[in-house]
């Protein structure tokens, strides 16, 4: 793991402790539908069906989605068992995580939906 990766997982854990994450496919999709989620992270080893289902919802509701890490890494970073889908429900945490991934969607996160 590189330094940026370590920082990403550390900040994901911080967001969890702050109560700003939703985990699990169904809970994340519900949160996306409700306009609460600002960023969705899907494990790189997620099944194609899971990724398609979550990706389609994110496209429809215009929520940034990013594949990063393995399910065991995502789960360990938030103090849980393996997690495949994580939703970030805070614009500040979402921007910070995207910056760490050198993403260009940072300015596309709607701050009015906090």
PDB file of N, CA and C in Angstrom:
ATOM      1  N   UNK A   1       0.832  -1.187   0.000  1.00  0.00           N
ATOM      2  CA  UNK A   1       0.000   0.000   0.000  1.00  0.00           C
ATOM      3  C   UNK A   1       0.873   1.245   0.000  1.00  0.00           C
ATOM      4  N   UNK A   2       0.480   2.229  -0.795  1.00  0.00           N
ATOM      5  CA  UNK A   2       1.237   3.473  -0.804  1.00  0.00           C
ATOM      6  C   UNK A   2       0.690   4.438   0.232  1.00  0.00           C
ATOM      7  N   UNK A   3       1.372   5.550   0.402  1.00  0.00           N
ATOM      8  CA  UNK A   3       1.002   6.535   1.422  1.00  0.00           C
ATOM      9  C   UNK A   3      -0.407   7.088   1.183  1.00  0.00           C
ATOM     10  N   UNK A   4      -0.744   7.376  -0.078  1.00  0.00           N
ATOM     11  CA  UNK A   4      -2.065   7.917  -0.406  1.00  0.00           C
ATOM     12  C   UNK A   4      -3.156   6.905  -0.086  1.00  0.00           C
ATOM     13  N   UNK A   5      -2.878   5.637  -0.347  1.00  0.00           N
ATOM     14  CA  UNK A   5      -3.832   4.574  -0.059  1.00  0.00           C
ATOM     15  C   UNK A   5      -4.067   4.463   1.448  1.00  0.00           C
ATOM     16  N   UNK A   6      -2.979   4.495   2.226  1.00  0.00           N
ATOM     17  CA  UNK A   6      -3.096   4.436   3.688  1.00  0.00           C
ATOM     18  C   UNK A   6      -3.942   5.599   4.200  1.00  0.00           C
ATOM     19  N   UNK A   7      -3.706   6.787   3.660  1.00  0.00           N
ATOM     20  CA  UNK A   7      -4.441   7.978   4.094  1.00  0.00           C
ATOM     21  C   UNK A   7      -5.918   7.859   3.713  1.00  0.00           C
ATOM     22  N   UNK A   8      -6.177   7.336   2.533  1.00  0.00           N
ATOM     23  CA  UNK A   8      -7.558   7.139   2.099  1.00  0.00           C
ATOM     24  C   UNK A   8      -8.308   6.239   3.075  1.00  0.00           C
ATOM     25  N   UNK A   9      -7.726   5.074   3.383  1.00  0.00           N
ATOM     26  CA  UNK A   9      -8.388   4.129   4.283  1.00  0.00           C
ATOM     27  C   UNK A   9      -8.517   4.704   5.687  1.00  0.00           C
ATOM     28  N   UNK A  10      -7.525   5.439   6.134  1.00  0.00           N
ATOM     29  CA  UNK A  10      -7.581   6.078   7.446  1.00  0.00           C
ATOM     30  C   UNK A  10      -8.728   7.092   7.509  1.00  0.00           C
ATOM     31  N   UNK A  11      -8.857   7.898   6.473  1.00  0.00           N
ATOM     32  CA  UNK A  11      -9.932   8.900   6.440  1.00  0.00           C
ATOM     33  C   UNK A  11     -11.311   8.267   6.260  1.00  0.00           C
ATOM     34  N   UNK A  12     -11.362   7.124   5.596  1.00  0.00           N
ATOM     35  CA  UNK A  12     -12.621   6.388   5.492  1.00  0.00           C
ATOM     36  C   UNK A  12     -13.052   5.935   6.892  1.00  0.00           C
ATOM     37  N   UNK A  13     -12.093   5.467   7.686  1.00  0.00           N
ATOM     38  CA  UNK A  13     -12.379   5.081   9.068  1.00  0.00           C
ATOM     39  C   UNK A  13     -12.834   6.265   9.899  1.00  0.00           C
ATOM     40  N   UNK A  14     -12.224   7.420   9.672  1.00  0.00           N
ATOM     41  CA  UNK A  14     -12.617   8.635  10.378  1.00  0.00           C
ATOM     42  C   UNK A  14     -14.065   9.006  10.044  1.00  0.00           C
ATOM     43  N   UNK A  15     -14.416   8.895   8.777  1.00  0.00           N
ATOM     44  CA  UNK A  15     -15.795   9.178   8.350  1.00  0.00           C
ATOM     45  C   UNK A  15     -16.772   8.207   9.012  1.00  0.00           C
ATOM     46  N   UNK A  16     -16.366   6.949   9.175  1.00  0.00           N
ATOM     47  CA  UNK A  16     -17.217   5.956   9.833  1.00  0.00           C
ATOM     48  C   UNK A  16     -17.436   6.338  11.292  1.00  0.00           C
ATOM     49  N   UNK A  17     -16.357   6.708  11.971  1.00  0.00           N
ATOM     50  CA  UNK A  17     -16.476   7.088  13.384  1.00  0.00           C
ATOM     51  C   UNK A  17     -17.322   8.340  13.555  1.00  0.00           C
ATOM     52  N   UNK A  18     -17.325   9.199  12.529  1.00  0.00           N
ATOM     53  CA  UNK A  18     -18.138  10.418  12.567  1.00  0.00           C
ATOM     54  C   UNK A  18     -19.603  10.135  12.202  1.00  0.00           C
ATOM     55  N   UNK A  19     -19.895   8.901  11.826  1.00  0.00           N
ATOM     56  CA  UNK A  19     -21.270   8.534  11.484  1.00  0.00           C
ATOM     57  C   UNK A  19     -21.711   9.018  10.120  1.00  0.00           C
ATOM     58  N   UNK A  20     -20.774   9.191   9.204  1.00  0.00           N
ATOM     59  CA  UNK A  20     -21.087   9.743   7.885  1.00  0.00           C
ATOM     60  C   UNK A  20     -21.060   8.705   6.769  1.00  0.00           C
ATOM     61  N   UNK A  21     -21.024   7.410   7.120  1.00  0.00           N
ATOM     62  CA  UNK A  21     -20.996   6.359   6.107  1.00  0.00           C
ATOM     63  C   UNK A  21     -22.223   5.463   6.217  1.00  0.00           C
ATOM     64  N   UNK A  22     -22.596   4.903   5.081  1.00  0.00           N
ATOM     65  CA  UNK A  22     -23.624   3.870   5.001  1.00  0.00           C
ATOM     66  C   UNK A  22     -22.964   2.702   4.282  1.00  0.00           C
ATOM     67  N   UNK A  23     -23.173   1.485   4.782  1.00  0.00           N
ATOM     68  CA  UNK A  23     -22.533   0.334   4.149  1.00  0.00           C
ATOM     69  C   UNK A  23     -23.578  -0.690   3.729  1.00  0.00           C
ATOM     70  N   UNK A  24     -23.214  -1.470   2.753  1.00  0.00           N
ATOM     71  CA  UNK A  24     -24.101  -2.511   2.252  1.00  0.00           C
ATOM     72  C   UNK A  24     -24.867  -2.023   1.034  1.00  0.00           C
ATOM     73  N   UNK A  25     -25.004  -2.905   0.081  1.00  0.00           N
ATOM     74  CA  UNK A  25     -25.615  -2.564  -1.203  1.00  0.00           C
ATOM     75  C   UNK A  25     -26.999  -1.934  -1.062  1.00  0.00           C
ATOM     76  N   UNK A  26     -27.894  -2.580  -0.337  1.00  0.00           N
ATOM     77  CA  UNK A  26     -29.267  -2.077  -0.232  1.00  0.00           C
ATOM     78  C   UNK A  26     -29.345  -0.747   0.509  1.00  0.00           C
ATOM     79  N   UNK A  27     -28.587  -0.611   1.593  1.00  0.00           N
ATOM     80  CA  UNK A  27     -28.603   0.632   2.369  1.00  0.00           C
ATOM     81  C   UNK A  27     -28.025   1.793   1.562  1.00  0.00           C
ATOM     82  N   UNK A  28     -26.968   1.522   0.808  1.00  0.00           N
ATOM     83  CA  UNK A  28     -26.350   2.574  -0.008  1.00  0.00           C
ATOM     84  C   UNK A  28     -27.305   3.000  -1.124  1.00  0.00           C
ATOM     85  N   UNK A  29     -27.942   2.051  -1.788  1.00  0.00           N
ATOM     86  CA  UNK A  29     -28.883   2.387  -2.861  1.00  0.00           C
ATOM     87  C   UNK A  29     -30.040   3.218  -2.316  1.00  0.00           C
ATOM     88  N   UNK A  30     -30.553   2.848  -1.155  1.00  0.00           N
ATOM     89  CA  UNK A  30     -31.627   3.620  -0.525  1.00  0.00           C
ATOM     90  C   UNK A  30     -31.156   5.041  -0.205  1.00  0.00           C
ATOM     91  N   UNK A  31     -29.945   5.157   0.296  1.00  0.00           N
ATOM     92  CA  UNK A  31     -29.379   6.463   0.636  1.00  0.00           C
ATOM     93  C   UNK A  31     -29.151   7.320  -0.614  1.00  0.00           C
ATOM     94  N   UNK A  32     -28.746   6.683  -1.706  1.00  0.00           N
ATOM     95  CA  UNK A  32     -28.574   7.397  -2.981  1.00  0.00           C
ATOM     96  C   UNK A  32     -29.932   7.911  -3.456  1.00  0.00           C
ATOM     97  N   UNK A  33     -30.946   7.074  -3.395  1.00  0.00           N
ATOM     98  CA  UNK A  33     -32.303   7.465  -3.800  1.00  0.00           C
ATOM     99  C   UNK A  33     -32.822   8.647  -2.986  1.00  0.00           C
ATOM    100  N   UNK A  34     -32.490   8.664  -1.693  1.00  0.00           N
ATOM    101  CA  UNK A  34     -32.964   9.717  -0.796  1.00  0.00           C
ATOM    102  C   UNK A  34     -32.153  11.006  -0.915  1.00  0.00           C
ATOM    103  N   UNK A  35     -31.114  11.004  -1.748  1.00  0.00           N
ATOM    104  CA  UNK A  35     -30.308  12.197  -1.942  1.00  0.00           C
ATOM    105  C   UNK A  35     -29.335  12.471  -0.813  1.00  0.00           C
ATOM    106  N   UNK A  36     -29.060  11.467   0.019  1.00  0.00           N
ATOM    107  CA  UNK A  36     -28.167  11.649   1.157  1.00  0.00           C
ATOM    108  C   UNK A  36     -26.704  11.383   0.815  1.00  0.00           C
ATOM    109  N   UNK A  37     -26.457  10.502  -0.119  1.00  0.00           N
ATOM    110  CA  UNK A  37     -25.093  10.068  -0.421  1.00  0.00           C
ATOM    111  C   UNK A  37     -24.415  10.995  -1.420  1.00  0.00           C
ATOM    112  N   UNK A  38     -23.182  11.387  -1.095  1.00  0.00           N
ATOM    113  CA  UNK A  38     -22.398  12.295  -1.939  1.00  0.00           C
ATOM    114  C   UNK A  38     -21.343  11.561  -2.764  1.00  0.00           C
ATOM    115  N   UNK A  39     -20.983  10.340  -2.333  1.00  0.00           N
ATOM    116  CA  UNK A  39     -19.956   9.545  -3.007  1.00  0.00           C
ATOM    117  C   UNK A  39     -20.202   8.076  -2.680  1.00  0.00           C
ATOM    118  N   UNK A  40     -20.038   7.224  -3.687  1.00  0.00           N
ATOM    119  CA  UNK A  40     -20.147   5.782  -3.472  1.00  0.00           C
ATOM    120  C   UNK A  40     -18.812   5.147  -3.822  1.00  0.00           C
ATOM    121  N   UNK A  41     -18.351   4.264  -2.934  1.00  0.00           N
ATOM    122  CA  UNK A  41     -17.109   3.520  -3.160  1.00  0.00           C
ATOM    123  C   UNK A  41     -17.483   2.051  -3.251  1.00  0.00           C
ATOM    124  N   UNK A  42     -17.033   1.403  -4.334  1.00  0.00           N
ATOM    125  CA  UNK A  42     -17.305  -0.013  -4.557  1.00  0.00           C
ATOM    126  C   UNK A  42     -15.970  -0.734  -4.600  1.00  0.00           C
ATOM    127  N   UNK A  43     -15.884  -1.857  -3.932  1.00  0.00           N
ATOM    128  CA  UNK A  43     -14.658  -2.652  -3.928  1.00  0.00           C
ATOM    129  C   UNK A  43     -14.319  -3.099  -5.348  1.00  0.00           C
ATOM    130  N   UNK A  44     -13.029  -3.145  -5.628  1.00  0.00           N
ATOM    131  CA  UNK A  44     -12.584  -3.575  -6.955  1.00  0.00           C
ATOM    132  C   UNK A  44     -12.936  -5.036  -7.221  1.00  0.00           C
ATOM    133  N   UNK A  45     -13.109  -5.820  -6.156  1.00  0.00           N
ATOM    134  CA  UNK A  45     -13.447  -7.229  -6.343  1.00  0.00           C
ATOM    135  C   UNK A  45     -14.951  -7.500  -6.195  1.00  0.00           C
ATOM    136  N   UNK A  46     -15.754  -6.450  -6.344  1.00  0.00           N
ATOM    137  CA  UNK A  46     -17.215  -6.613  -6.328  1.00  0.00           C
ATOM    138  C   UNK A  46     -17.649  -7.361  -7.584  1.00  0.00           C
ATOM    139  N   UNK A  47     -18.755  -8.071  -7.479  1.00  0.00           N
ATOM    140  CA  UNK A  47     -19.246  -8.790  -8.657  1.00  0.00           C
ATOM    141  C   UNK A  47     -19.723  -7.782  -9.702  1.00  0.00           C
ATOM    142  N   UNK A  48     -19.739  -8.223 -10.939  1.00  0.00           N
ATOM    143  CA  UNK A  48     -20.183  -7.354 -12.036  1.00  0.00           C
ATOM    144  C   UNK A  48     -21.630  -6.926 -11.833  1.00  0.00           C
ATOM    145  N   UNK A  49     -22.463  -7.828 -11.326  1.00  0.00           N
ATOM    146  CA  UNK A  49     -23.871  -7.506 -11.095  1.00  0.00           C
ATOM    147  C   UNK A  49     -24.052  -6.439 -10.028  1.00  0.00           C
ATOM    148  N   UNK A  50     -23.305  -6.568  -8.941  1.00  0.00           N
ATOM    149  CA  UNK A  50     -23.373  -5.571  -7.872  1.00  0.00           C
ATOM    150  C   UNK A  50     -22.914  -4.222  -8.379  1.00  0.00           C
ATOM    151  N   UNK A  51     -21.783  -4.211  -9.092  1.00  0.00           N
ATOM    152  CA  UNK A  51     -21.277  -2.937  -9.603  1.00  0.00           C
ATOM    153  C   UNK A  51     -22.275  -2.300 -10.561  1.00  0.00           C
ATOM    154  N   UNK A  52     -22.864  -3.096 -11.462  1.00  0.00           N
ATOM    155  CA  UNK A  52     -23.818  -2.537 -12.420  1.00  0.00           C
ATOM    156  C   UNK A  52     -25.031  -1.946 -11.714  1.00  0.00           C
ATOM    157  N   UNK A  53     -25.574  -2.664 -10.747  1.00  0.00           N
ATOM    158  CA  UNK A  53     -26.758  -2.199 -10.019  1.00  0.00           C
ATOM    159  C   UNK A  53     -26.480  -0.865  -9.318  1.00  0.00           C
ATOM    160  N   UNK A  54     -25.359  -0.784  -8.610  1.00  0.00           N
ATOM    161  CA  UNK A  54     -25.013   0.438  -7.880  1.00  0.00           C
ATOM    162  C   UNK A  54     -24.629   1.549  -8.855  1.00  0.00           C
ATOM    163  N   UNK A  55     -23.875   1.215  -9.883  1.00  0.00           N
ATOM    164  CA  UNK A  55     -23.446   2.211 -10.871  1.00  0.00           C
ATOM    165  C   UNK A  55     -24.648   2.830 -11.584  1.00  0.00           C
ATOM    166  N   UNK A  56     -25.616   2.012 -11.958  1.00  0.00           N
ATOM    167  CA  UNK A  56     -26.813   2.528 -12.636  1.00  0.00           C
ATOM    168  C   UNK A  56     -27.556   3.534 -11.754  1.00  0.00           C
ATOM    169  N   UNK A  57     -27.696   3.225 -10.453  1.00  0.00           N
ATOM    170  CA  UNK A  57     -28.359   4.161  -9.535  1.00  0.00           C
ATOM    171  C   UNK A  57     -27.559   5.456  -9.408  1.00  0.00           C
ATOM    172  N   UNK A  58     -26.244   5.317  -9.303  1.00  0.00           N
ATOM    173  CA  UNK A  58     -25.399   6.511  -9.158  1.00  0.00           C
ATOM    174  C   UNK A  58     -25.467   7.396 -10.399  1.00  0.00           C
ATOM    175  N   UNK A  59     -25.500   6.795 -11.569  1.00  0.00           N
ATOM    176  CA  UNK A  59     -25.616   7.574 -12.801  1.00  0.00           C
ATOM    177  C   UNK A  59     -26.962   8.299 -12.828  1.00  0.00           C
ATOM    178  N   UNK A  60     -28.035   7.574 -12.520  1.00  0.00           N
ATOM    179  CA  UNK A  60     -29.376   8.163 -12.552  1.00  0.00           C
ATOM    180  C   UNK A  60     -29.507   9.330 -11.578  1.00  0.00           C
ATOM    181  N   UNK A  61     -28.972   9.161 -10.364  1.00  0.00           N
ATOM    182  CA  UNK A  61     -29.098  10.200  -9.339  1.00  0.00           C
ATOM    183  C   UNK A  61     -27.888  11.146  -9.298  1.00  0.00           C
ATOM    184  N   UNK A  62     -26.989  10.992 -10.259  1.00  0.00           N
ATOM    185  CA  UNK A  62     -25.819  11.860 -10.413  1.00  0.00           C
ATOM    186  C   UNK A  62     -24.947  11.911  -9.158  1.00  0.00           C
ATOM    187  N   UNK A  63     -24.621  10.731  -8.659  1.00  0.00           N
ATOM    188  CA  UNK A  63     -23.739  10.595  -7.499  1.00  0.00           C
ATOM    189  C   UNK A  63     -22.412  10.014  -7.997  1.00  0.00           C
ATOM    190  N   UNK A  64     -21.278  10.644  -7.658  1.00  0.00           N
ATOM    191  CA  UNK A  64     -19.986  10.092  -8.080  1.00  0.00           C
ATOM    192  C   UNK A  64     -19.771   8.691  -7.508  1.00  0.00           C
ATOM    193  N   UNK A  65     -19.214   7.813  -8.323  1.00  0.00           N
ATOM    194  CA  UNK A  65     -18.919   6.441  -7.895  1.00  0.00           C
ATOM    195  C   UNK A  65     -17.476   6.149  -8.251  1.00  0.00           C
ATOM    196  N   UNK A  66     -16.825   5.391  -7.380  1.00  0.00           N
ATOM    197  CA  UNK A  66     -15.418   5.073  -7.617  1.00  0.00           C
ATOM    198  C   UNK A  66     -15.139   3.662  -7.127  1.00  0.00           C
ATOM    199  N   UNK A  67     -14.427   2.878  -7.926  1.00  0.00           N
ATOM    200  CA  UNK A  67     -13.993   1.556  -7.488  1.00  0.00           C
ATOM    201  C   UNK A  67     -12.611   1.693  -6.886  1.00  0.00           C
ATOM    202  N   UNK A  68     -12.471   1.202  -5.646  1.00  0.00           N
ATOM    203  CA  UNK A  68     -11.176   1.327  -4.974  1.00  0.00           C
ATOM    204  C   UNK A  68     -11.047   0.278  -3.890  1.00  0.00           C
ATOM    205  N   UNK A  69      -9.908  -0.344  -3.803  1.00  0.00           N
ATOM    206  CA  UNK A  69      -9.602  -1.298  -2.739  1.00  0.00           C
ATOM    207  C   UNK A  69     -10.368  -2.602  -2.862  1.00  0.00           C
ATOM    208  N   UNK A  70      -9.933  -3.553  -2.057  1.00  0.00           N
ATOM    209  CA  UNK A  70     -10.624  -4.840  -1.990  1.00  0.00           C
ATOM    210  C   UNK A  70     -11.641  -4.805  -0.851  1.00  0.00           C
ATOM    211  N   UNK A  71     -12.577  -5.702  -0.890  1.00  0.00           N
ATOM    212  CA  UNK A  71     -13.634  -5.726   0.129  1.00  0.00           C
ATOM    213  C   UNK A  71     -13.075  -5.870   1.541  1.00  0.00           C
ATOM    214  N   UNK A  72     -12.009  -6.654   1.703  1.00  0.00           N
ATOM    215  CA  UNK A  72     -11.435  -6.809   3.038  1.00  0.00           C
ATOM    216  C   UNK A  72     -10.748  -5.527   3.505  1.00  0.00           C
ATOM    217  N   UNK A  73     -10.124  -4.783   2.588  1.00  0.00           N
ATOM    218  CA  UNK A  73      -9.492  -3.508   2.939  1.00  0.00           C
ATOM    219  C   UNK A  73     -10.542  -2.475   3.349  1.00  0.00           C
ATOM    220  N   UNK A  74     -11.626  -2.401   2.580  1.00  0.00           N
ATOM    221  CA  UNK A  74     -12.692  -1.447   2.907  1.00  0.00           C
ATOM    222  C   UNK A  74     -13.302  -1.764   4.267  1.00  0.00           C
ATOM    223  N   UNK A  75     -13.593  -3.029   4.502  1.00  0.00           N
ATOM    224  CA  UNK A  75     -14.170  -3.428   5.782  1.00  0.00           C
ATOM    225  C   UNK A  75     -13.237  -3.146   6.948  1.00  0.00           C
ATOM    226  N   UNK A  76     -11.973  -3.517   6.797  1.00  0.00           N
ATOM    227  CA  UNK A  76     -11.004  -3.310   7.881  1.00  0.00           C
ATOM    228  C   UNK A  76     -10.830  -1.830   8.199  1.00  0.00           C
ATOM    229  N   UNK A  77     -10.876  -0.984   7.176  1.00  0.00           N
ATOM    230  CA  UNK A  77     -10.658   0.446   7.399  1.00  0.00           C
ATOM    231  C   UNK A  77     -11.774   1.089   8.212  1.00  0.00           C
ATOM    232  N   UNK A  78     -12.967   0.472   8.193  1.00  0.00           N
ATOM    233  CA  UNK A  78     -14.086   1.040   8.960  1.00  0.00           C
ATOM    234  C   UNK A  78     -14.442   0.189  10.176  1.00  0.00           C
ATOM    235  N   UNK A  79     -13.592  -0.795  10.486  1.00  0.00           N
ATOM    236  CA  UNK A  79     -13.802  -1.605  11.673  1.00  0.00           C
ATOM    237  C   UNK A  79     -14.917  -2.617  11.549  1.00  0.00           C
ATOM    238  N   UNK A  80     -15.167  -3.078  10.342  1.00  0.00           N
ATOM    239  CA  UNK A  80     -16.243  -4.044  10.095  1.00  0.00           C
ATOM    240  C   UNK A  80     -15.683  -5.242   9.333  1.00  0.00           C
ATOM    241  N   UNK A  81     -16.553  -6.219   9.112  1.00  0.00           N
ATOM    242  CA  UNK A  81     -16.206  -7.328   8.221  1.00  0.00           C
ATOM    243  C   UNK A  81     -16.090  -6.771   6.801  1.00  0.00           C
ATOM    244  N   UNK A  82     -15.774  -7.621   5.863  1.00  0.00           N
ATOM    245  CA  UNK A  82     -15.623  -7.194   4.470  1.00  0.00           C
ATOM    246  C   UNK A  82     -16.851  -6.407   4.001  1.00  0.00           C
ATOM    247  N   UNK A  83     -16.607  -5.308   3.319  1.00  0.00           N
ATOM    248  CA  UNK A  83     -17.678  -4.465   2.775  1.00  0.00           C
ATOM    249  C   UNK A  83     -17.407  -4.240   1.295  1.00  0.00           C
ATOM    250  N   UNK A  84     -18.450  -4.380   0.480  1.00  0.00           N
ATOM    251  CA  UNK A  84     -18.313  -4.225  -0.963  1.00  0.00           C
ATOM    252  C   UNK A  84     -18.743  -2.836  -1.414  1.00  0.00           C
ATOM    253  N   UNK A  85     -19.764  -2.264  -0.774  1.00  0.00           N
ATOM    254  CA  UNK A  85     -20.300  -0.964  -1.173  1.00  0.00           C
ATOM    255  C   UNK A  85     -20.372  -0.054   0.055  1.00  0.00           C
ATOM    256  N   UNK A  86     -19.814   1.152  -0.097  1.00  0.00           N
ATOM    257  CA  UNK A  86     -19.837   2.145   0.983  1.00  0.00           C
ATOM    258  C   UNK A  86     -20.328   3.464   0.406  1.00  0.00           C
ATOM    259  N   UNK A  87     -21.244   4.107   1.108  1.00  0.00           N
ATOM    260  CA  UNK A  87     -21.737   5.424   0.715  1.00  0.00           C
ATOM    261  C   UNK A  87     -21.255   6.469   1.711  1.00  0.00           C
ATOM    262  N   UNK A  88     -20.757   7.593   1.205  1.00  0.00           N
ATOM    263  CA  UNK A  88     -20.305   8.697   2.044  1.00  0.00           C
ATOM    264  C   UNK A  88     -21.398   9.754   2.029  1.00  0.00           C
ATOM    265  N   UNK A  89     -21.954  10.054   3.206  1.00  0.00           N
ATOM    266  CA  UNK A  89     -23.095  10.960   3.294  1.00  0.00           C
ATOM    267  C   UNK A  89     -22.726  12.370   3.731  1.00  0.00           C
ATOM    268  N   UNK A  90     -21.493  12.747   3.573  1.00  0.00           N
ATOM    269  CA  UNK A  90     -21.044  14.091   3.947  1.00  0.00           C
ATOM    270  C   UNK A  90     -20.198  14.653   2.806  1.00  0.00           C
ATOM    271  N   UNK A  91     -20.557  15.840   2.334  1.00  0.00           N
ATOM    272  CA  UNK A  91     -19.851  16.436   1.193  1.00  0.00           C
ATOM    273  C   UNK A  91     -18.384  16.704   1.508  1.00  0.00           C
ATOM    274  N   UNK A  92     -18.081  17.117   2.722  1.00  0.00           N
ATOM    275  CA  UNK A  92     -16.693  17.394   3.104  1.00  0.00           C
ATOM    276  C   UNK A  92     -15.830  16.152   3.064  1.00  0.00           C
ATOM    277  N   UNK A  93     -16.317  15.065   3.657  1.00  0.00           N
ATOM    278  CA  UNK A  93     -15.575  13.802   3.604  1.00  0.00           C
ATOM    279  C   UNK A  93     -15.471  13.303   2.162  1.00  0.00           C
ATOM    280  N   UNK A  94     -16.542  13.443   1.386  1.00  0.00           N
ATOM    281  CA  UNK A  94     -16.527  12.980  -0.005  1.00  0.00           C
ATOM    282  C   UNK A  94     -15.468  13.733  -0.806  1.00  0.00           C
ATOM    283  N   UNK A  95     -15.410  15.058  -0.654  1.00  0.00           N
ATOM    284  CA  UNK A  95     -14.392  15.845  -1.365  1.00  0.00           C
ATOM    285  C   UNK A  95     -12.990  15.434  -0.951  1.00  0.00           C
ATOM    286  N   UNK A  96     -12.779  15.246   0.353  1.00  0.00           N
ATOM    287  CA  UNK A  96     -11.459  14.864   0.857  1.00  0.00           C
ATOM    288  C   UNK A  96     -11.033  13.511   0.284  1.00  0.00           C
ATOM    289  N   UNK A  97     -11.933  12.537   0.287  1.00  0.00           N
ATOM    290  CA  UNK A  97     -11.597  11.208  -0.231  1.00  0.00           C
ATOM    291  C   UNK A  97     -11.321  11.254  -1.731  1.00  0.00           C
ATOM    292  N   UNK A  98     -12.106  12.025  -2.464  1.00  0.00           N
ATOM    293  CA  UNK A  98     -11.877  12.140  -3.903  1.00  0.00           C
ATOM    294  C   UNK A  98     -10.550  12.826  -4.206  1.00  0.00           C
ATOM    295  N   UNK A  99     -10.206  13.836  -3.432  1.00  0.00           N
ATOM    296  CA  UNK A  99      -8.912  14.513  -3.634  1.00  0.00           C
ATOM    297  C   UNK A  99      -7.763  13.540  -3.438  1.00  0.00           C
ATOM    298  N   UNK A 100      -7.895  12.678  -2.442  1.00  0.00           N
ATOM    299  CA  UNK A 100      -6.837  11.700  -2.182  1.00  0.00           C
ATOM    300  C   UNK A 100      -6.695  10.711  -3.326  1.00  0.00           C
ATOM    301  N   UNK A 101      -7.746  10.516  -4.048  1.00  0.00           N
ATOM    302  CA  UNK A 101      -7.713   9.611  -5.191  1.00  0.00           C
ATOM    303  C   UNK A 101      -7.405  10.354  -6.488  1.00  0.00           C
ATOM    304  N   UNK A 102      -7.080  11.652  -6.346  1.00  0.00           N
ATOM    305  CA  UNK A 102      -6.771  12.497  -7.508  1.00  0.00           C
ATOM    306  C   UNK A 102      -7.895  12.482  -8.528  1.00  0.00           C
ATOM    307  N   UNK A 103      -9.115  12.581  -8.015  1.00  0.00           N
ATOM    308  CA  UNK A 103     -10.275  12.571  -8.883  1.00  0.00           C
ATOM    309  C   UNK A 103     -10.632  13.979  -9.337  1.00  0.00           C
ATOM    310  N   UNK A 104     -11.268  14.073 -10.484  1.00  0.00           N
ATOM    311  CA  UNK A 104     -11.674  15.373 -11.014  1.00  0.00           C
ATOM    312  C   UNK A 104     -13.106  15.728 -10.660  1.00  0.00           C
ATOM    313  N   UNK A 105     -13.845  14.792 -10.018  1.00  0.00           N
ATOM    314  CA  UNK A 105     -15.253  15.037  -9.703  1.00  0.00           C
ATOM    315  C   UNK A 105     -15.446  15.907  -8.460  1.00  0.00           C
ATOM    316  N   UNK A 106     -14.372  16.324  -7.820  1.00  0.00           N
ATOM    317  CA  UNK A 106     -14.464  17.029  -6.541  1.00  0.00           C
ATOM    318  C   UNK A 106     -15.414  18.217  -6.620  1.00  0.00           C
ATOM    319  N   UNK A 107     -15.326  19.000  -7.666  1.00  0.00           N
ATOM    320  CA  UNK A 107     -16.175  20.174  -7.784  1.00  0.00           C
ATOM    321  C   UNK A 107     -17.610  19.815  -8.151  1.00  0.00           C
ATOM    322  N   UNK A 108     -17.857  18.573  -8.548  1.00  0.00           N
ATOM    323  CA  UNK A 108     -19.186  18.159  -8.954  1.00  0.00           C
ATOM    324  C   UNK A 108     -20.079  17.734  -7.801  1.00  0.00           C
ATOM    325  N   UNK A 109     -19.553  17.700  -6.582  1.00  0.00           N
ATOM    326  CA  UNK A 109     -20.364  17.300  -5.437  1.00  0.00           C
ATOM    327  C   UNK A 109     -21.238  18.478  -5.017  1.00  0.00           C
ATOM    328  N   UNK A 110     -22.509  18.211  -4.953  1.00  0.00           N
ATOM    329  CA  UNK A 110     -23.494  19.243  -4.649  1.00  0.00           C
ATOM    330  C   UNK A 110     -23.503  19.555  -3.150  1.00  0.00           C
ATOM    331  N   UNK A 111     -22.986  20.710  -2.782  1.00  0.00           N
ATOM    332  CA  UNK A 111     -22.912  21.094  -1.369  1.00  0.00           C
ATOM    333  C   UNK A 111     -24.273  21.473  -0.817  1.00  0.00           C
ATOM    334  N   UNK A 112     -25.228  21.769  -1.660  1.00  0.00           N
ATOM    335  CA  UNK A 112     -26.544  22.186  -1.185  1.00  0.00           C
ATOM    336  C   UNK A 112     -27.341  21.014  -0.637  1.00  0.00           C
ATOM    337  N   UNK A 113     -26.916  19.787  -0.912  1.00  0.00           N
ATOM    338  CA  UNK A 113     -27.649  18.608  -0.464  1.00  0.00           C
ATOM    339  C   UNK A 113     -27.122  18.081   0.866  1.00  0.00           C
ATOM    340  N   UNK A 114     -26.455  18.887   1.646  1.00  0.00           N
ATOM    341  CA  UNK A 114     -25.917  18.433   2.926  1.00  0.00           C
ATOM    342  C   UNK A 114     -27.026  18.231   3.832  1.00  0.00           C
TER     343      UNK A 114
END
